[in-house]
PDB file of all heavy atoms in Angstrom:
ATOM      1  N   ALA A   1     179.637   9.445  94.855  1.00  0.00           N
ATOM      2  CA  ALA A   1     178.739   9.385  93.756  1.00  0.00           C
ATOM      3  C   ALA A   1     178.405  10.756  93.177  1.00  0.00           C
ATOM      4  O   ALA A   1     178.296  10.913  91.963  1.00  0.00           O
ATOM      5  CB  ALA A   1     177.425   8.662  94.184  1.00  0.00           C
ATOM      6  N   LEU A   2     178.287  11.725  94.038  1.00  0.00           N
ATOM      7  CA  LEU A   2     178.016  13.086  93.582  1.00  0.00           C
ATOM      8  C   LEU A   2     179.193  13.645  92.787  1.00  0.00           C
ATOM      9  O   LEU A   2     178.996  14.273  91.738  1.00  0.00           O
ATOM     10  CB  LEU A   2     177.715  13.974  94.785  1.00  0.00           C
ATOM     11  CG  LEU A   2     177.338  15.425  94.450  1.00  0.00           C
ATOM     12  CD1 LEU A   2     176.028  15.445  93.655  1.00  0.00           C
ATOM     13  CD2 LEU A   2     177.199  16.224  95.735  1.00  0.00           C
ATOM     14  N   ILE A   3     180.423  13.370  93.289  1.00  0.00           N
ATOM     15  CA  ILE A   3     181.597  13.856  92.529  1.00  0.00           C
ATOM     16  C   ILE A   3     181.657  13.156  91.175  1.00  0.00           C
ATOM     17  O   ILE A   3     181.955  13.768  90.147  1.00  0.00           O
ATOM     18  CB  ILE A   3     182.877  13.556  93.346  1.00  0.00           C
ATOM     19  CG1 ILE A   3     182.989  14.501  94.529  1.00  0.00           C
ATOM     20  CG2 ILE A   3     184.140  13.716  92.451  1.00  0.00           C
ATOM     21  CD1 ILE A   3     184.174  14.167  95.449  1.00  0.00           C
ATOM     22  N   ALA A   4     181.338  11.830  91.105  1.00  0.00           N
ATOM     23  CA  ALA A   4     181.324  11.109  89.855  1.00  0.00           C
ATOM     24  C   ALA A   4     180.263  11.662  88.870  1.00  0.00           C
ATOM     25  O   ALA A   4     180.575  11.801  87.677  1.00  0.00           O
ATOM     26  CB  ALA A   4     181.094   9.621  90.087  1.00  0.00           C
ATOM     27  N   LEU A   5     179.094  11.974  89.372  1.00  0.00           N
ATOM     28  CA  LEU A   5     178.027  12.491  88.486  1.00  0.00           C
ATOM     29  C   LEU A   5     178.431  13.888  87.939  1.00  0.00           C
ATOM     30  O   LEU A   5     178.318  14.113  86.717  1.00  0.00           O
ATOM     31  CB  LEU A   5     176.706  12.601  89.234  1.00  0.00           C
ATOM     32  CG  LEU A   5     175.980  11.326  89.471  1.00  0.00           C
ATOM     33  CD1 LEU A   5     174.764  11.563  90.363  1.00  0.00           C
ATOM     34  CD2 LEU A   5     175.532  10.771  88.108  1.00  0.00           C
ATOM     35  N   ILE A   6     178.924  14.743  88.785  1.00  0.00           N
ATOM     36  CA  ILE A   6     179.310  16.098  88.356  1.00  0.00           C
ATOM     37  C   ILE A   6     180.513  16.016  87.404  1.00  0.00           C
ATOM     38  O   ILE A   6     180.527  16.679  86.346  1.00  0.00           O
ATOM     39  CB  ILE A   6     179.565  16.999  89.564  1.00  0.00           C
ATOM     40  CG1 ILE A   6     178.298  17.264  90.281  1.00  0.00           C
ATOM     41  CG2 ILE A   6     180.194  18.319  89.050  1.00  0.00           C
ATOM     42  CD1 ILE A   6     178.468  17.996  91.615  1.00  0.00           C
ATOM     43  N   GLY A   7     181.477  15.216  87.753  1.00  0.00           N
ATOM     44  CA  GLY A   7     182.654  15.059  86.921  1.00  0.00           C
ATOM     45  C   GLY A   7     182.327  14.400  85.590  1.00  0.00           C
ATOM     46  O   GLY A   7     182.870  14.823  84.526  1.00  0.00           O
ATOM     47  N   GLY A   8     181.462  13.445  85.570  1.00  0.00           N
ATOM     48  CA  GLY A   8     181.037  12.815  84.329  1.00  0.00           C
ATOM     49  C   GLY A   8     180.266  13.807  83.427  1.00  0.00           C
ATOM     50  O   GLY A   8     180.488  13.870  82.194  1.00  0.00           O
ATOM     51  N   TYR A   9     179.393  14.626  83.997  1.00  0.00           N
ATOM     52  CA  TYR A   9     178.642  15.611  83.265  1.00  0.00           C
ATOM     53  C   TYR A   9     179.583  16.637  82.601  1.00  0.00           C
ATOM     54  O   TYR A   9     179.507  16.902  81.410  1.00  0.00           O
ATOM     55  CB  TYR A   9     177.615  16.296  84.175  1.00  0.00           C
ATOM     56  CG  TYR A   9     176.923  17.442  83.516  1.00  0.00           C
ATOM     57  CD1 TYR A   9     175.903  17.236  82.601  1.00  0.00           C
ATOM     58  CD2 TYR A   9     177.257  18.762  83.812  1.00  0.00           C
ATOM     59  CE1 TYR A   9     175.225  18.303  82.041  1.00  0.00           C
ATOM     60  CE2 TYR A   9     176.608  19.814  83.256  1.00  0.00           C
ATOM     61  CZ  TYR A   9     175.586  19.580  82.341  1.00  0.00           C
ATOM     62  OH  TYR A   9     174.958  20.653  81.732  1.00  0.00           O
ATOM     63  N   ILE A  10     180.482  17.174  83.406  1.00  0.00           N
ATOM     64  CA  ILE A  10     181.413  18.205  82.901  1.00  0.00           C
ATOM     65  C   ILE A  10     182.352  17.536  81.832  1.00  0.00           C
ATOM     66  O   ILE A  10     182.602  18.149  80.797  1.00  0.00           O
ATOM     67  CB  ILE A  10     182.236  18.835  84.042  1.00  0.00           C
ATOM     68  CG1 ILE A  10     181.299  19.719  84.873  1.00  0.00           C
ATOM     69  CG2 ILE A  10     183.387  19.647  83.514  1.00  0.00           C
ATOM     70  CD1 ILE A  10     181.928  20.274  86.102  1.00  0.00           C
ATOM     71  N   GLY A  11     182.809  16.343  82.133  1.00  0.00           N
ATOM     72  CA  GLY A  11     183.685  15.632  81.167  1.00  0.00           C
ATOM     73  C   GLY A  11     183.052  15.359  79.826  1.00  0.00           C
ATOM     74  O   GLY A  11     183.656  15.567  78.777  1.00  0.00           O
ATOM     75  N   ILE A  12     181.808  14.936  79.866  1.00  0.00           N
ATOM     76  CA  ILE A  12     181.089  14.654  78.578  1.00  0.00           C
ATOM     77  C   ILE A  12     180.860  15.928  77.817  1.00  0.00           C
ATOM     78  O   ILE A  12     181.056  16.002  76.593  1.00  0.00           O
ATOM     79  CB  ILE A  12     179.763  13.921  78.833  1.00  0.00           C
ATOM     80  CG1 ILE A  12     180.077  12.497  79.340  1.00  0.00           C
ATOM     81  CG2 ILE A  12     178.886  13.928  77.649  1.00  0.00           C
ATOM     82  CD1 ILE A  12     178.857  11.726  79.839  1.00  0.00           C
ATOM     83  N   ARG A  13     180.461  17.005  78.511  1.00  0.00           N
ATOM     84  CA  ARG A  13     180.230  18.316  77.844  1.00  0.00           C
ATOM     85  C   ARG A  13     181.501  18.833  77.235  1.00  0.00           C
ATOM     86  O   ARG A  13     181.477  19.402  76.148  1.00  0.00           O
ATOM     87  CB  ARG A  13     179.628  19.297  78.826  1.00  0.00           C
ATOM     88  CG  ARG A  13     178.260  18.976  79.372  1.00  0.00           C
ATOM     89  CD  ARG A  13     177.084  19.192  78.443  1.00  0.00           C
ATOM     90  NE  ARG A  13     176.970  20.451  77.858  1.00  0.00           N
ATOM     91  CZ  ARG A  13     176.118  21.465  78.225  1.00  0.00           C
ATOM     92  NH1 ARG A  13     175.343  21.247  79.255  1.00  0.00           N
ATOM     93  NH2 ARG A  13     176.097  22.590  77.579  1.00  0.00           N
ATOM     94  N   ILE A  14     182.643  18.725  77.941  1.00  0.00           N
ATOM     95  CA  ILE A  14     183.865  19.185  77.409  1.00  0.00           C
ATOM     96  C   ILE A  14     184.324  18.372  76.213  1.00  0.00           C
ATOM     97  O   ILE A  14     184.769  18.864  75.212  1.00  0.00           O
ATOM     98  CB  ILE A  14     184.979  19.256  78.515  1.00  0.00           C
ATOM     99  CG1 ILE A  14     184.667  20.422  79.472  1.00  0.00           C
ATOM    100  CG2 ILE A  14     186.359  19.428  77.916  1.00  0.00           C
ATOM    101  CD1 ILE A  14     185.626  20.490  80.652  1.00  0.00           C
ATOM    102  N   ASN A  15     184.176  17.027  76.345  1.00  0.00           N
ATOM    103  CA  ASN A  15     184.592  16.149  75.252  1.00  0.00           C
ATOM    104  C   ASN A  15     183.762  16.398  73.989  1.00  0.00           C
ATOM    105  O   ASN A  15     184.261  16.282  72.858  1.00  0.00           O
ATOM    106  CB  ASN A  15     184.411  14.697  75.687  1.00  0.00           C
ATOM    107  CG  ASN A  15     185.172  13.762  74.749  1.00  0.00           C
ATOM    108  OD1 ASN A  15     186.144  14.129  74.129  1.00  0.00           O
ATOM    109  ND2 ASN A  15     184.690  12.494  74.715  1.00  0.00           N
ATOM    110  N   ASN A  16     182.466  16.776  74.127  1.00  0.00           N
ATOM    111  CA  ASN A  16     181.641  17.078  72.964  1.00  0.00           C
ATOM    112  C   ASN A  16     181.724  18.546  72.517  1.00  0.00           C
ATOM    113  O   ASN A  16     180.994  18.951  71.597  1.00  0.00           O
ATOM    114  CB  ASN A  16     180.197  16.753  73.272  1.00  0.00           C
ATOM    115  CG  ASN A  16     180.013  15.250  73.453  1.00  0.00           C
ATOM    116  OD1 ASN A  16     180.717  14.438  72.941  1.00  0.00           O
ATOM    117  ND2 ASN A  16     178.954  14.880  74.214  1.00  0.00           N
ATOM    118  N   SER A  17     182.542  19.350  73.193  1.00  0.00           N
ATOM    119  CA  SER A  17     182.684  20.805  72.936  1.00  0.00           C
ATOM    120  C   SER A  17     181.378  21.545  73.035  1.00  0.00           C
ATOM    121  O   SER A  17     181.077  22.458  72.270  1.00  0.00           O
ATOM    122  CB  SER A  17     183.283  20.988  71.532  1.00  0.00           C
ATOM    123  OG  SER A  17     184.581  20.485  71.470  1.00  0.00           O
ATOM    124  N   THR A  18     180.540  21.170  73.994  1.00  0.00           N
ATOM    125  CA  THR A  18     179.271  21.866  74.231  1.00  0.00           C
ATOM    126  C   THR A  18     179.185  22.521  75.607  1.00  0.00           C
ATOM    127  O   THR A  18     178.129  22.993  75.999  1.00  0.00           O
ATOM    128  CB  THR A  18     178.085  20.900  74.103  1.00  0.00           C
ATOM    129  OG1 THR A  18     178.255  19.812  75.033  1.00  0.00           O
ATOM    130  CG2 THR A  18     178.040  20.348  72.674  1.00  0.00           C
ATOM    131  N   MET A  19     180.302  22.547  76.332  1.00  0.00           N
ATOM    132  CA  MET A  19     180.323  23.132  77.684  1.00  0.00           C
ATOM    133  C   MET A  19     180.299  24.623  77.545  1.00  0.00           C
ATOM    134  O   MET A  19     181.247  25.228  76.969  1.00  0.00           O
ATOM    135  CB  MET A  19     181.558  22.660  78.425  1.00  0.00           C
ATOM    136  CG  MET A  19     181.628  23.137  79.843  1.00  0.00           C
ATOM    137  SD  MET A  19     180.406  22.315  80.837  1.00  0.00           S
ATOM    138  CE  MET A  19     180.557  23.148  82.340  1.00  0.00           C
ATOM    139  N   PRO A  20     179.260  25.347  78.084  1.00  0.00           N
ATOM    140  CA  PRO A  20     179.246  26.797  78.043  1.00  0.00           C
ATOM    141  C   PRO A  20     180.428  27.379  78.818  1.00  0.00           C
ATOM    142  O   PRO A  20     180.686  26.900  79.940  1.00  0.00           O
ATOM    143  CB  PRO A  20     177.925  27.173  78.663  1.00  0.00           C
ATOM    144  CG  PRO A  20     177.180  25.955  78.850  1.00  0.00           C
ATOM    145  CD  PRO A  20     178.091  24.793  78.750  1.00  0.00           C
ATOM    146  N   ALA A  21     181.121  28.335  78.229  1.00  0.00           N
ATOM    147  CA  ALA A  21     182.308  28.886  78.881  1.00  0.00           C
ATOM    148  C   ALA A  21     182.343  30.370  78.718  1.00  0.00           C
ATOM    149  O   ALA A  21     181.672  30.956  77.837  1.00  0.00           O
ATOM    150  CB  ALA A  21     183.531  28.209  78.269  1.00  0.00           C
ATOM    151  N   ARG A  22     183.109  31.003  79.599  1.00  0.00           N
ATOM    152  CA  ARG A  22     183.346  32.453  79.516  1.00  0.00           C
ATOM    153  C   ARG A  22     184.848  32.639  79.331  1.00  0.00           C
ATOM    154  O   ARG A  22     185.649  32.035  80.028  1.00  0.00           O
ATOM    155  CB  ARG A  22     182.862  33.100  80.777  1.00  0.00           C
ATOM    156  CG  ARG A  22     182.917  34.635  80.703  1.00  0.00           C
ATOM    157  CD  ARG A  22     182.066  35.269  81.749  1.00  0.00           C
ATOM    158  NE  ARG A  22     180.677  34.871  81.787  1.00  0.00           N
ATOM    159  CZ  ARG A  22     179.689  35.358  81.019  1.00  0.00           C
ATOM    160  NH1 ARG A  22     179.975  36.272  80.126  1.00  0.00           N
ATOM    161  NH2 ARG A  22     178.471  34.970  81.135  1.00  0.00           N
ATOM    162  N   CYS A  23     185.203  33.475  78.359  1.00  0.00           N
ATOM    163  CA  CYS A  23     186.616  33.706  78.012  1.00  0.00           C
ATOM    164  C   CYS A  23     187.375  34.365  79.154  1.00  0.00           C
ATOM    165  O   CYS A  23     186.841  35.297  79.794  1.00  0.00           O
ATOM    166  CB  CYS A  23     186.687  34.561  76.755  1.00  0.00           C
ATOM    167  SG  CYS A  23     188.370  34.861  76.236  1.00  0.00           S
ATOM    168  N   ASP A  24     188.555  33.871  79.462  1.00  0.00           N
ATOM    169  CA  ASP A  24     189.376  34.467  80.494  1.00  0.00           C
ATOM    170  C   ASP A  24     189.970  35.775  80.086  1.00  0.00           C
ATOM    171  O   ASP A  24     190.351  36.609  80.923  1.00  0.00           O
ATOM    172  CB  ASP A  24     190.534  33.493  80.853  1.00  0.00           C
ATOM    173  CG  ASP A  24     190.030  32.249  81.564  1.00  0.00           C
ATOM    174  OD1 ASP A  24     189.421  32.392  82.584  1.00  0.00           O
ATOM    175  OD2 ASP A  24     190.306  31.126  81.023  1.00  0.00           O
ATOM    176  N   LEU A  25     190.104  36.044  78.799  1.00  0.00           N
ATOM    177  CA  LEU A  25     190.750  37.248  78.308  1.00  0.00           C
ATOM    178  C   LEU A  25     189.797  38.411  78.122  1.00  0.00           C
ATOM    179  O   LEU A  25     190.073  39.518  78.541  1.00  0.00           O
ATOM    180  CB  LEU A  25     191.479  36.948  76.987  1.00  0.00           C
ATOM    181  CG  LEU A  25     192.510  35.811  77.077  1.00  0.00           C
ATOM    182  CD1 LEU A  25     193.111  35.526  75.679  1.00  0.00           C
ATOM    183  CD2 LEU A  25     193.614  36.171  78.036  1.00  0.00           C
ATOM    184  N   CYS A  26     188.653  38.150  77.503  1.00  0.00           N
ATOM    185  CA  CYS A  26     187.755  39.275  77.207  1.00  0.00           C
ATOM    186  C   CYS A  26     186.376  39.192  77.910  1.00  0.00           C
ATOM    187  O   CYS A  26     185.650  40.152  77.995  1.00  0.00           O
ATOM    188  CB  CYS A  26     187.508  39.399  75.699  1.00  0.00           C
ATOM    189  SG  CYS A  26     186.550  38.032  75.003  1.00  0.00           S
ATOM    190  N   GLY A  27     186.015  38.022  78.446  1.00  0.00           N
ATOM    191  CA  GLY A  27     184.765  37.859  79.176  1.00  0.00           C
ATOM    192  C   GLY A  27     183.564  37.509  78.349  1.00  0.00           C
ATOM    193  O   GLY A  27     182.450  37.401  78.873  1.00  0.00           O
ATOM    194  N   SER A  28     183.713  37.312  77.014  1.00  0.00           N
ATOM    195  CA  SER A  28     182.578  36.910  76.228  1.00  0.00           C
ATOM    196  C   SER A  28     182.272  35.445  76.368  1.00  0.00           C
ATOM    197  O   SER A  28     183.075  34.660  76.841  1.00  0.00           O
ATOM    198  CB  SER A  28     182.805  37.299  74.735  1.00  0.00           C
ATOM    199  OG  SER A  28     183.835  36.489  74.227  1.00  0.00           O
ATOM    200  N   VAL A  29     181.112  35.080  75.893  1.00  0.00           N
ATOM    201  CA  VAL A  29     180.581  33.672  76.028  1.00  0.00           C
ATOM    202  C   VAL A  29     181.121  32.846  74.859  1.00  0.00           C
ATOM    203  O   VAL A  29     181.165  33.293  73.726  1.00  0.00           O
ATOM    204  CB  VAL A  29     179.105  33.650  76.071  1.00  0.00           C
ATOM    205  CG1 VAL A  29     178.542  32.242  76.157  1.00  0.00           C
ATOM    206  CG2 VAL A  29     178.606  34.434  77.306  1.00  0.00           C
ATOM    207  N   GLY A  30     181.484  31.592  75.126  1.00  0.00           N
ATOM    208  CA  GLY A  30     181.933  30.688  74.110  1.00  0.00           C
ATOM    209  C   GLY A  30     181.725  29.246  74.587  1.00  0.00           C
ATOM    210  O   GLY A  30     180.883  29.004  75.469  1.00  0.00           O
TER     211      GLY A  30
END
């Protein structure tokens, strides 16, 4: 259940393009 909740949260945020991320190349926030 915990894996499903965390996976669902991350999946929804990525699908809506609202997941906070840090660039692998320069390190800035996106």
